[in-house]
Amino acid sequence: MKRLKDFRTALRRLALRVACAYGVVTIAWPLRVFASTTGILPWDAPLTTLQNDLQGPVAHAITTSAIIGTGILWSVSEHVRHVGA
């Protein structure tokens, strides 16, 4: 009977540790990720420059050519449906 009680105590401790680890994984790690994205990132300056350069008729021409190119590539590609065996 004592072994069963010790086993239950050990199981409760394990469950508490697993619950604590789960809390850290689901709460603390995402908060660190969100905290790190609020600063200045290394690619912010090039993206801002690109965004400022691609305004007006240049943006319309690039967007139109990208849409047309994507449509052409999609139309000439093979559309094979793979069915699992």
N, C-alpha and C. Protein backbone atom coordinates (compact mmCIF):
# COMPACT_ATOMS: atom_id res chain seq x y z
N MET A 1 0.82 -1.19 0.00
CA MET A 1 0.00 0.00 0.00
C MET A 1 0.87 1.26 0.00
N LYS A 2 1.98 1.20 0.71
CA LYS A 2 2.89 2.34 0.75
C LYS A 2 3.48 2.62 -0.63
N ARG A 3 3.77 1.57 -1.40
CA ARG A 3 4.33 1.75 -2.74
C ARG A 3 3.33 2.45 -3.65
N LEU A 4 2.06 2.10 -3.50
CA LEU A 4 1.02 2.74 -4.31
C LEU A 4 0.91 4.23 -3.96
N LYS A 5 1.00 4.54 -2.67
CA LYS A 5 0.93 5.93 -2.24
C LYS A 5 2.15 6.72 -2.76
N ASP A 6 3.33 6.11 -2.69
CA ASP A 6 4.53 6.76 -3.22
C ASP A 6 4.43 6.97 -4.73
N PHE A 7 3.86 5.98 -5.42
CA PHE A 7 3.69 6.09 -6.87
C PHE A 7 2.74 7.24 -7.21
N ARG A 8 1.67 7.36 -6.46
CA ARG A 8 0.71 8.45 -6.71
C ARG A 8 1.35 9.81 -6.44
N THR A 9 2.15 9.88 -5.39
CA THR A 9 2.84 11.13 -5.09
C THR A 9 3.81 11.50 -6.21
N ALA A 10 4.56 10.51 -6.67
CA ALA A 10 5.49 10.76 -7.77
C ALA A 10 4.75 11.16 -9.03
N LEU A 11 3.61 10.53 -9.28
CA LEU A 11 2.81 10.85 -10.46
C LEU A 11 2.26 12.27 -10.38
N ARG A 12 1.84 12.69 -9.19
CA ARG A 12 1.35 14.06 -9.02
C ARG A 12 2.47 15.07 -9.26
N ARG A 13 3.66 14.78 -8.75
CA ARG A 13 4.79 15.67 -8.98
C ARG A 13 5.12 15.78 -10.46
N LEU A 14 5.10 14.64 -11.13
CA LEU A 14 5.35 14.64 -12.57
C LEU A 14 4.30 15.45 -13.32
N ALA A 15 3.03 15.26 -12.92
CA ALA A 15 1.95 16.01 -13.58
C ALA A 15 2.11 17.51 -13.33
N LEU A 16 2.54 17.89 -12.14
CA LEU A 16 2.76 19.30 -11.84
C LEU A 16 3.90 19.87 -12.68
N ARG A 17 4.98 19.11 -12.82
CA ARG A 17 6.10 19.56 -13.63
C ARG A 17 5.72 19.68 -15.10
N VAL A 18 4.95 18.73 -15.60
CA VAL A 18 4.51 18.78 -17.00
C VAL A 18 3.60 19.97 -17.21
N ALA A 19 2.70 20.24 -16.27
CA ALA A 19 1.80 21.38 -16.39
C ALA A 19 2.58 22.69 -16.36
N CYS A 20 3.59 22.77 -15.51
CA CYS A 20 4.41 23.97 -15.44
C CYS A 20 5.19 24.17 -16.75
N ALA A 21 5.76 23.09 -17.27
CA ALA A 21 6.48 23.19 -18.53
C ALA A 21 5.54 23.59 -19.66
N TYR A 22 4.34 23.04 -19.68
CA TYR A 22 3.36 23.40 -20.70
C TYR A 22 3.01 24.88 -20.60
N GLY A 23 2.86 25.39 -19.39
CA GLY A 23 2.58 26.81 -19.21
C GLY A 23 3.70 27.69 -19.72
N VAL A 24 4.94 27.27 -19.47
CA VAL A 24 6.08 28.04 -19.96
C VAL A 24 6.11 28.05 -21.49
N VAL A 25 5.86 26.88 -22.07
CA VAL A 25 5.91 26.77 -23.53
C VAL A 25 4.80 27.58 -24.18
N THR A 26 3.61 27.56 -23.62
CA THR A 26 2.48 28.22 -24.27
C THR A 26 2.32 29.69 -23.92
N ILE A 27 2.95 30.14 -22.83
CA ILE A 27 2.79 31.54 -22.43
C ILE A 27 4.08 32.33 -22.54
N ALA A 28 5.14 31.82 -21.94
CA ALA A 28 6.38 32.61 -21.85
C ALA A 28 7.08 32.72 -23.19
N TRP A 29 7.21 31.63 -23.93
CA TRP A 29 7.92 31.69 -25.20
C TRP A 29 7.24 32.59 -26.22
N PRO A 30 5.92 32.50 -26.41
CA PRO A 30 5.30 33.45 -27.35
C PRO A 30 5.44 34.90 -26.92
N LEU A 31 5.43 35.18 -25.63
CA LEU A 31 5.61 36.56 -25.18
C LEU A 31 7.00 37.07 -25.54
N ARG A 32 8.01 36.20 -25.44
CA ARG A 32 9.36 36.61 -25.84
C ARG A 32 9.42 36.88 -27.33
N VAL A 33 8.71 36.10 -28.12
CA VAL A 33 8.71 36.31 -29.56
C VAL A 33 8.06 37.65 -29.89
N PHE A 34 6.92 37.93 -29.28
CA PHE A 34 6.25 39.20 -29.55
C PHE A 34 7.09 40.37 -29.06
N ALA A 35 7.81 40.19 -27.97
CA ALA A 35 8.64 41.27 -27.44
C ALA A 35 9.80 41.57 -28.39
N SER A 36 10.31 40.55 -29.04
CA SER A 36 11.46 40.77 -29.92
C SER A 36 11.06 41.41 -31.25
N THR A 37 9.81 41.32 -31.64
CA THR A 37 9.40 41.87 -32.93
C THR A 37 9.00 43.34 -32.84
N THR A 38 9.02 43.91 -31.66
CA THR A 38 8.62 45.31 -31.54
C THR A 38 9.77 46.27 -31.84
N GLY A 39 11.01 45.78 -31.90
CA GLY A 39 12.16 46.63 -32.15
C GLY A 39 12.39 46.83 -33.63
N ILE A 40 13.48 47.49 -33.95
CA ILE A 40 13.84 47.74 -35.34
C ILE A 40 14.54 46.49 -35.86
N LEU A 41 14.05 45.97 -36.94
CA LEU A 41 14.61 44.76 -37.52
C LEU A 41 15.59 45.13 -38.63
N PRO A 42 16.54 44.25 -38.94
CA PRO A 42 17.57 44.62 -39.92
C PRO A 42 17.04 44.85 -41.33
N TRP A 43 15.90 44.29 -41.67
CA TRP A 43 15.39 44.44 -43.03
C TRP A 43 14.35 45.55 -43.14
N ASP A 44 14.12 46.30 -42.08
CA ASP A 44 13.14 47.38 -42.13
C ASP A 44 13.56 48.50 -43.09
N ALA A 45 14.82 48.90 -43.05
CA ALA A 45 15.28 50.00 -43.91
C ALA A 45 15.20 49.64 -45.40
N PRO A 46 15.68 48.46 -45.84
CA PRO A 46 15.54 48.13 -47.26
C PRO A 46 14.09 48.01 -47.71
N LEU A 47 13.24 47.46 -46.84
CA LEU A 47 11.82 47.34 -47.22
C LEU A 47 11.15 48.70 -47.30
N THR A 48 11.51 49.61 -46.42
CA THR A 48 10.95 50.96 -46.49
C THR A 48 11.41 51.67 -47.76
N THR A 49 12.68 51.50 -48.11
CA THR A 49 13.19 52.08 -49.35
C THR A 49 12.46 51.52 -50.56
N LEU A 50 12.28 50.21 -50.59
CA LEU A 50 11.58 49.57 -51.70
C LEU A 50 10.14 50.03 -51.78
N GLN A 51 9.49 50.15 -50.63
CA GLN A 51 8.11 50.61 -50.60
C GLN A 51 7.99 52.05 -51.11
N ASN A 52 8.92 52.89 -50.73
CA ASN A 52 8.89 54.27 -51.20
C ASN A 52 9.20 54.38 -52.69
N ASP A 53 10.07 53.51 -53.20
CA ASP A 53 10.42 53.56 -54.62
C ASP A 53 9.31 53.01 -55.52
N LEU A 54 8.52 52.08 -55.00
CA LEU A 54 7.50 51.45 -55.82
C LEU A 54 6.13 52.08 -55.59
N GLN A 55 6.02 53.33 -55.94
CA GLN A 55 4.73 54.02 -55.85
C GLN A 55 4.38 54.60 -57.21
N GLY A 56 3.10 54.72 -57.43
CA GLY A 56 2.65 55.32 -58.68
C GLY A 56 2.67 54.36 -59.84
N PRO A 57 3.04 54.84 -61.05
CA PRO A 57 2.98 54.02 -62.25
C PRO A 57 3.96 52.84 -62.20
N VAL A 58 5.08 53.00 -61.51
CA VAL A 58 6.04 51.89 -61.41
C VAL A 58 5.41 50.72 -60.67
N ALA A 59 4.71 51.02 -59.59
CA ALA A 59 4.06 49.96 -58.82
C ALA A 59 2.99 49.26 -59.64
N HIS A 60 2.22 50.03 -60.41
CA HIS A 60 1.17 49.44 -61.24
C HIS A 60 1.77 48.55 -62.32
N ALA A 61 2.84 48.97 -62.93
CA ALA A 61 3.48 48.17 -63.99
C ALA A 61 4.05 46.87 -63.42
N ILE A 62 4.72 46.95 -62.28
CA ILE A 62 5.29 45.75 -61.69
C ILE A 62 4.19 44.79 -61.22
N THR A 63 3.15 45.33 -60.62
CA THR A 63 2.05 44.50 -60.17
C THR A 63 1.35 43.83 -61.33
N THR A 64 1.09 44.57 -62.38
CA THR A 64 0.43 44.00 -63.55
C THR A 64 1.28 42.92 -64.20
N SER A 65 2.58 43.18 -64.35
CA SER A 65 3.44 42.16 -64.96
C SER A 65 3.56 40.93 -64.06
N ALA A 66 3.56 41.11 -62.75
CA ALA A 66 3.62 39.97 -61.84
C ALA A 66 2.36 39.13 -61.94
N ILE A 67 1.21 39.77 -62.03
CA ILE A 67 -0.05 39.04 -62.16
C ILE A 67 -0.11 38.30 -63.48
N ILE A 68 0.28 38.97 -64.56
CA ILE A 68 0.26 38.31 -65.88
C ILE A 68 1.26 37.16 -65.92
N GLY A 69 2.46 37.36 -65.38
CA GLY A 69 3.46 36.29 -65.36
C GLY A 69 3.01 35.11 -64.53
N THR A 70 2.40 35.36 -63.40
CA THR A 70 1.89 34.28 -62.56
C THR A 70 0.78 33.52 -63.28
N GLY A 71 -0.09 34.23 -63.95
CA GLY A 71 -1.17 33.57 -64.69
C GLY A 71 -0.64 32.71 -65.82
N ILE A 72 0.35 33.21 -66.53
CA ILE A 72 0.93 32.42 -67.62
C ILE A 72 1.62 31.18 -67.08
N LEU A 73 2.41 31.34 -66.05
CA LEU A 73 3.08 30.18 -65.46
C LEU A 73 2.08 29.16 -64.92
N TRP A 74 1.00 29.63 -64.34
CA TRP A 74 0.00 28.70 -63.82
C TRP A 74 -0.72 27.98 -64.96
N SER A 75 -0.96 28.70 -66.05
CA SER A 75 -1.71 28.10 -67.15
C SER A 75 -0.90 27.05 -67.92
N VAL A 76 0.42 27.18 -67.98
CA VAL A 76 1.22 26.22 -68.73
C VAL A 76 1.77 25.10 -67.85
N SER A 77 1.57 25.18 -66.54
CA SER A 77 2.07 24.13 -65.65
C SER A 77 1.11 22.95 -65.63
N GLU A 78 1.62 21.82 -65.19
CA GLU A 78 0.77 20.63 -65.11
C GLU A 78 -0.03 20.68 -63.82
N HIS A 79 -1.31 20.40 -63.96
CA HIS A 79 -2.20 20.38 -62.82
C HIS A 79 -2.60 18.94 -62.57
N VAL A 80 -1.73 18.22 -61.89
CA VAL A 80 -1.98 16.80 -61.62
C VAL A 80 -2.45 16.66 -60.19
N ARG A 81 -3.51 15.94 -60.03
CA ARG A 81 -4.02 15.71 -58.70
C ARG A 81 -3.46 14.39 -58.19
N HIS A 82 -2.76 14.47 -57.10
CA HIS A 82 -2.15 13.28 -56.52
C HIS A 82 -3.12 12.69 -55.51
N VAL A 83 -3.48 11.46 -55.73
CA VAL A 83 -4.41 10.77 -54.84
C VAL A 83 -3.61 9.71 -54.09
N GLY A 84 -3.74 9.70 -52.79
CA GLY A 84 -3.02 8.73 -51.98
C GLY A 84 -3.49 7.31 -52.28
N ALA A 85 -2.55 6.39 -52.28
CA ALA A 85 -2.88 4.99 -52.59
C ALA A 85 -3.39 4.28 -51.37
